[in-house]
PDB file of N, CA and C in Angstrom:
ATOM      1  N   MET A   1      36.604   1.766 -15.119  1.00  0.00           N
ATOM      2  CA  MET A   1      36.055   2.052 -16.433  1.00  0.00           C
ATOM      3  C   MET A   1      34.599   1.608 -16.538  1.00  0.00           C
ATOM      4  N   LYS A   2      34.278   0.488 -15.912  1.00  0.00           N
ATOM      5  CA  LYS A   2      32.917  -0.018 -16.002  1.00  0.00           C
ATOM      6  C   LYS A   2      31.923   0.925 -15.327  1.00  0.00           C
ATOM      7  N   ASN A   3      32.350   1.567 -14.255  1.00  0.00           N
ATOM      8  CA  ASN A   3      31.473   2.486 -13.544  1.00  0.00           C
ATOM      9  C   ASN A   3      31.089   3.672 -14.431  1.00  0.00           C
ATOM     10  N   LYS A   4      32.036   4.186 -15.220  1.00  0.00           N
ATOM     11  CA  LYS A   4      31.731   5.302 -16.114  1.00  0.00           C
ATOM     12  C   LYS A   4      30.753   4.873 -17.200  1.00  0.00           C
ATOM     13  N   GLN A   5      30.904   3.649 -17.675  1.00  0.00           N
ATOM     14  CA  GLN A   5      30.005   3.150 -18.716  1.00  0.00           C
ATOM     15  C   GLN A   5      28.600   2.981 -18.158  1.00  0.00           C
ATOM     16  N   ASN A   6      28.482   2.469 -16.958  1.00  0.00           N
ATOM     17  CA  ASN A   6      27.167   2.323 -16.326  1.00  0.00           C
ATOM     18  C   ASN A   6      26.516   3.680 -16.100  1.00  0.00           C
ATOM     19  N   THR A   7      27.308   4.655 -15.670  1.00  0.00           N
ATOM     20  CA  THR A   7      26.785   5.994 -15.439  1.00  0.00           C
ATOM     21  C   THR A   7      26.251   6.592 -16.737  1.00  0.00           C
ATOM     22  N   PHE A   8      26.969   6.386 -17.826  1.00  0.00           N
ATOM     23  CA  PHE A   8      26.507   6.888 -19.126  1.00  0.00           C
ATOM     24  C   PHE A   8      25.149   6.306 -19.468  1.00  0.00           C
ATOM     25  N   TRP A   9      24.970   4.995 -19.315  1.00  0.00           N
ATOM     26  CA  TRP A   9      23.702   4.362 -19.688  1.00  0.00           C
ATOM     27  C   TRP A   9      22.567   4.776 -18.761  1.00  0.00           C
ATOM     28  N   VAL A  10      22.871   5.034 -17.501  1.00  0.00           N
ATOM     29  CA  VAL A  10      21.837   5.512 -16.577  1.00  0.00           C
ATOM     30  C   VAL A  10      21.345   6.890 -17.019  1.00  0.00           C
ATOM     31  N   PHE A  11      22.271   7.784 -17.326  1.00  0.00           N
ATOM     32  CA  PHE A  11      21.868   9.115 -17.767  1.00  0.00           C
ATOM     33  C   PHE A  11      21.196   9.082 -19.135  1.00  0.00           C
ATOM     34  N   ALA A  12      21.681   8.250 -20.033  1.00  0.00           N
ATOM     35  CA  ALA A  12      21.059   8.140 -21.355  1.00  0.00           C
ATOM     36  C   ALA A  12      19.621   7.644 -21.225  1.00  0.00           C
ATOM     37  N   GLY A  13      19.394   6.647 -20.377  1.00  0.00           N
ATOM     38  CA  GLY A  13      18.045   6.138 -20.160  1.00  0.00           C
ATOM     39  C   GLY A  13      17.141   7.174 -19.521  1.00  0.00           C
ATOM     40  N   PHE A  14      17.684   7.922 -18.577  1.00  0.00           N
ATOM     41  CA  PHE A  14      16.898   8.954 -17.909  1.00  0.00           C
ATOM     42  C   PHE A  14      16.466  10.038 -18.898  1.00  0.00           C
ATOM     43  N   PHE A  15      17.397  10.517 -19.720  1.00  0.00           N
ATOM     44  CA  PHE A  15      17.053  11.568 -20.673  1.00  0.00           C
ATOM     45  C   PHE A  15      16.100  11.065 -21.749  1.00  0.00           C
ATOM     46  N   PHE A  16      16.219   9.793 -22.133  1.00  0.00           N
ATOM     47  CA  PHE A  16      15.277   9.207 -23.078  1.00  0.00           C
ATOM     48  C   PHE A  16      13.882   9.159 -22.466  1.00  0.00           C
ATOM     49  N   PHE A  17      13.793   8.787 -21.198  1.00  0.00           N
ATOM     50  CA  PHE A  17      12.518   8.753 -20.485  1.00  0.00           C
ATOM     51  C   PHE A  17      11.895  10.148 -20.423  1.00  0.00           C
ATOM     52  N   VAL A  18      12.690  11.153 -20.086  1.00  0.00           N
ATOM     53  CA  VAL A  18      12.187  12.526 -20.011  1.00  0.00           C
ATOM     54  C   VAL A  18      11.701  12.978 -21.379  1.00  0.00           C
ATOM     55  N   PHE A  19      12.423  12.632 -22.431  1.00  0.00           N
ATOM     56  CA  PHE A  19      12.027  12.979 -23.793  1.00  0.00           C
ATOM     57  C   PHE A  19      10.677  12.356 -24.139  1.00  0.00           C
ATOM     58  N   LEU A  20      10.478  11.081 -23.798  1.00  0.00           N
ATOM     59  CA  LEU A  20       9.213  10.414 -24.091  1.00  0.00           C
ATOM     60  C   LEU A  20       8.063  11.016 -23.297  1.00  0.00           C
ATOM     61  N   VAL A  21       8.308  11.369 -22.054  1.00  0.00           N
ATOM     62  CA  VAL A  21       7.264  12.029 -21.248  1.00  0.00           C
ATOM     63  C   VAL A  21       6.893  13.365 -21.874  1.00  0.00           C
ATOM     64  N   PHE A  22       7.883  14.129 -22.314  1.00  0.00           N
ATOM     65  CA  PHE A  22       7.634  15.410 -22.963  1.00  0.00           C
ATOM     66  C   PHE A  22       6.801  15.226 -24.226  1.00  0.00           C
ATOM     67  N   LEU A  23       7.116  14.208 -25.028  1.00  0.00           N
ATOM     68  CA  LEU A  23       6.333  13.943 -26.237  1.00  0.00           C
ATOM     69  C   LEU A  23       4.891  13.579 -25.894  1.00  0.00           C
ATOM     70  N   GLY A  24       4.701  12.778 -24.870  1.00  0.00           N
ATOM     71  CA  GLY A  24       3.359  12.389 -24.455  1.00  0.00           C
ATOM     72  C   GLY A  24       2.532  13.565 -23.966  1.00  0.00           C
ATOM     73  N   ILE A  25       3.156  14.453 -23.222  1.00  0.00           N
ATOM     74  CA  ILE A  25       2.446  15.639 -22.736  1.00  0.00           C
ATOM     75  C   ILE A  25       2.055  16.528 -23.908  1.00  0.00           C
ATOM     76  N   ASN A  26       2.956  16.705 -24.864  1.00  0.00           N
ATOM     77  CA  ASN A  26       2.645  17.542 -26.025  1.00  0.00           C
ATOM     78  C   ASN A  26       1.560  16.928 -26.902  1.00  0.00           C
ATOM     79  N   ALA A  27       1.452  15.624 -26.909  1.00  0.00           N
ATOM     80  CA  ALA A  27       0.440  14.958 -27.732  1.00  0.00           C
ATOM     81  C   ALA A  27      -0.918  14.929 -27.042  1.00  0.00           C
ATOM     82  N   GLY A  28      -1.002  15.383 -25.795  1.00  0.00           N
ATOM     83  CA  GLY A  28      -2.268  15.413 -25.074  1.00  0.00           C
ATOM     84  C   GLY A  28      -2.648  14.072 -24.478  1.00  0.00           C
ATOM     85  N   GLU A  29      -1.684  13.221 -24.256  1.00  0.00           N
ATOM     86  CA  GLU A  29      -1.982  11.890 -23.732  1.00  0.00           C
ATOM     87  C   GLU A  29      -2.316  11.885 -22.245  1.00  0.00           C
ATOM     88  N   THR A  30      -1.960  12.933 -21.537  1.00  0.00           N
ATOM     89  CA  THR A  30      -2.226  12.934 -20.098  1.00  0.00           C
ATOM     90  C   THR A  30      -3.719  12.903 -19.814  1.00  0.00           C
ATOM     91  N   ARG A  31      -4.500  13.627 -20.586  1.00  0.00           N
ATOM     92  CA  ARG A  31      -5.958  13.634 -20.387  1.00  0.00           C
ATOM     93  C   ARG A  31      -6.538  12.252 -20.662  1.00  0.00           C
ATOM     94  N   ALA A  32      -6.096  11.614 -21.735  1.00  0.00           N
ATOM     95  CA  ALA A  32      -6.609  10.289 -22.086  1.00  0.00           C
ATOM     96  C   ALA A  32      -6.265   9.267 -21.007  1.00  0.00           C
ATOM     97  N   ILE A  33      -5.065   9.338 -20.487  1.00  0.00           N
ATOM     98  CA  ILE A  33      -4.646   8.388 -19.451  1.00  0.00           C
ATOM     99  C   ILE A  33      -5.441   8.601 -18.173  1.00  0.00           C
ATOM    100  N   LEU A  34      -5.646   9.852 -17.778  1.00  0.00           N
ATOM    101  CA  LEU A  34      -6.422  10.127 -16.567  1.00  0.00           C
ATOM    102  C   LEU A  34      -7.877   9.696 -16.719  1.00  0.00           C
ATOM    103  N   GLU A  35      -8.454   9.883 -17.902  1.00  0.00           N
ATOM    104  CA  GLU A  35      -9.840   9.447 -18.127  1.00  0.00           C
ATOM    105  C   GLU A  35      -9.951   7.928 -18.038  1.00  0.00           C
ATOM    106  N   LYS A  36      -9.008   7.216 -18.636  1.00  0.00           N
ATOM    107  CA  LYS A  36      -9.034   5.747 -18.579  1.00  0.00           C
ATOM    108  C   LYS A  36      -8.837   5.258 -17.152  1.00  0.00           C
ATOM    109  N   ALA A  37      -7.931   5.886 -16.423  1.00  0.00           N
ATOM    110  CA  ALA A  37      -7.677   5.479 -15.039  1.00  0.00           C
ATOM    111  C   ALA A  37      -8.907   5.711 -14.177  1.00  0.00           C
ATOM    112  N   THR A  38      -9.602   6.811 -14.393  1.00  0.00           N
ATOM    113  CA  THR A  38     -10.810   7.095 -13.623  1.00  0.00           C
ATOM    114  C   THR A  38     -11.889   6.068 -13.915  1.00  0.00           C
ATOM    115  N   LYS A  39     -12.072   5.713 -15.176  1.00  0.00           N
ATOM    116  CA  LYS A  39     -13.083   4.717 -15.534  1.00  0.00           C
ATOM    117  C   LYS A  39     -12.757   3.360 -14.928  1.00  0.00           C
ATOM    118  N   ILE A  40     -11.503   2.977 -14.965  1.00  0.00           N
ATOM    119  CA  ILE A  40     -11.104   1.682 -14.401  1.00  0.00           C
ATOM    120  C   ILE A  40     -11.343   1.673 -12.903  1.00  0.00           C
ATOM    121  N   CYS A  41     -10.928   2.733 -12.220  1.00  0.00           N
ATOM    122  CA  CYS A  41     -11.083   2.779 -10.768  1.00  0.00           C
ATOM    123  C   CYS A  41     -12.557   2.783 -10.360  1.00  0.00           C
ATOM    124  N   LEU A  42     -13.374   3.532 -11.076  1.00  0.00           N
ATOM    125  CA  LEU A  42     -14.785   3.567 -10.723  1.00  0.00           C
ATOM    126  C   LEU A  42     -15.460   2.233 -10.977  1.00  0.00           C
ATOM    127  N   SER A  43     -15.056   1.530 -12.034  1.00  0.00           N
ATOM    128  CA  SER A  43     -15.669   0.225 -12.293  1.00  0.00           C
ATOM    129  C   SER A  43     -15.168  -0.815 -11.292  1.00  0.00           C
ATOM    130  N   CYS A  44     -13.960  -0.649 -10.797  1.00  0.00           N
ATOM    131  CA  CYS A  44     -13.443  -1.614  -9.804  1.00  0.00           C
ATOM    132  C   CYS A  44     -14.199  -1.537  -8.490  1.00  0.00           C
ATOM    133  N   ILE A  45     -14.606  -0.346  -8.089  1.00  0.00           N
ATOM    134  CA  ILE A  45     -15.311  -0.225  -6.817  1.00  0.00           C
ATOM    135  C   ILE A  45     -16.820  -0.284  -7.004  1.00  0.00           C
ATOM    136  N   GLY A  46     -17.284  -0.497  -8.232  1.00  0.00           N
ATOM    137  CA  GLY A  46     -18.697  -0.737  -8.469  1.00  0.00           C
ATOM    138  C   GLY A  46     -19.534   0.517  -8.714  1.00  0.00           C
ATOM    139  N   LEU A  47     -18.904   1.624  -9.022  1.00  0.00           N
ATOM    140  CA  LEU A  47     -19.669   2.843  -9.268  1.00  0.00           C
ATOM    141  C   LEU A  47     -19.829   3.153 -10.743  1.00  0.00           C
ATOM    142  N   GLY A  48     -19.115   2.439 -11.586  1.00  0.00           N
ATOM    143  CA  GLY A  48     -19.152   2.764 -13.016  1.00  0.00           C
ATOM    144  C   GLY A  48     -19.959   1.783 -13.726  1.00  0.00           C
TER     145      GLY A  48
END
């Protein structure tokens, strides 16, 4: 019985994660995250 309960929570967490990723993509957050990551990386290596 415990194995079925664990499986349920694994799938519930996975679908919740997919839902949040979908919301982030629709809100246009991917561009903002990539811009921030580029700025951080360039400043770390001394080019920014």
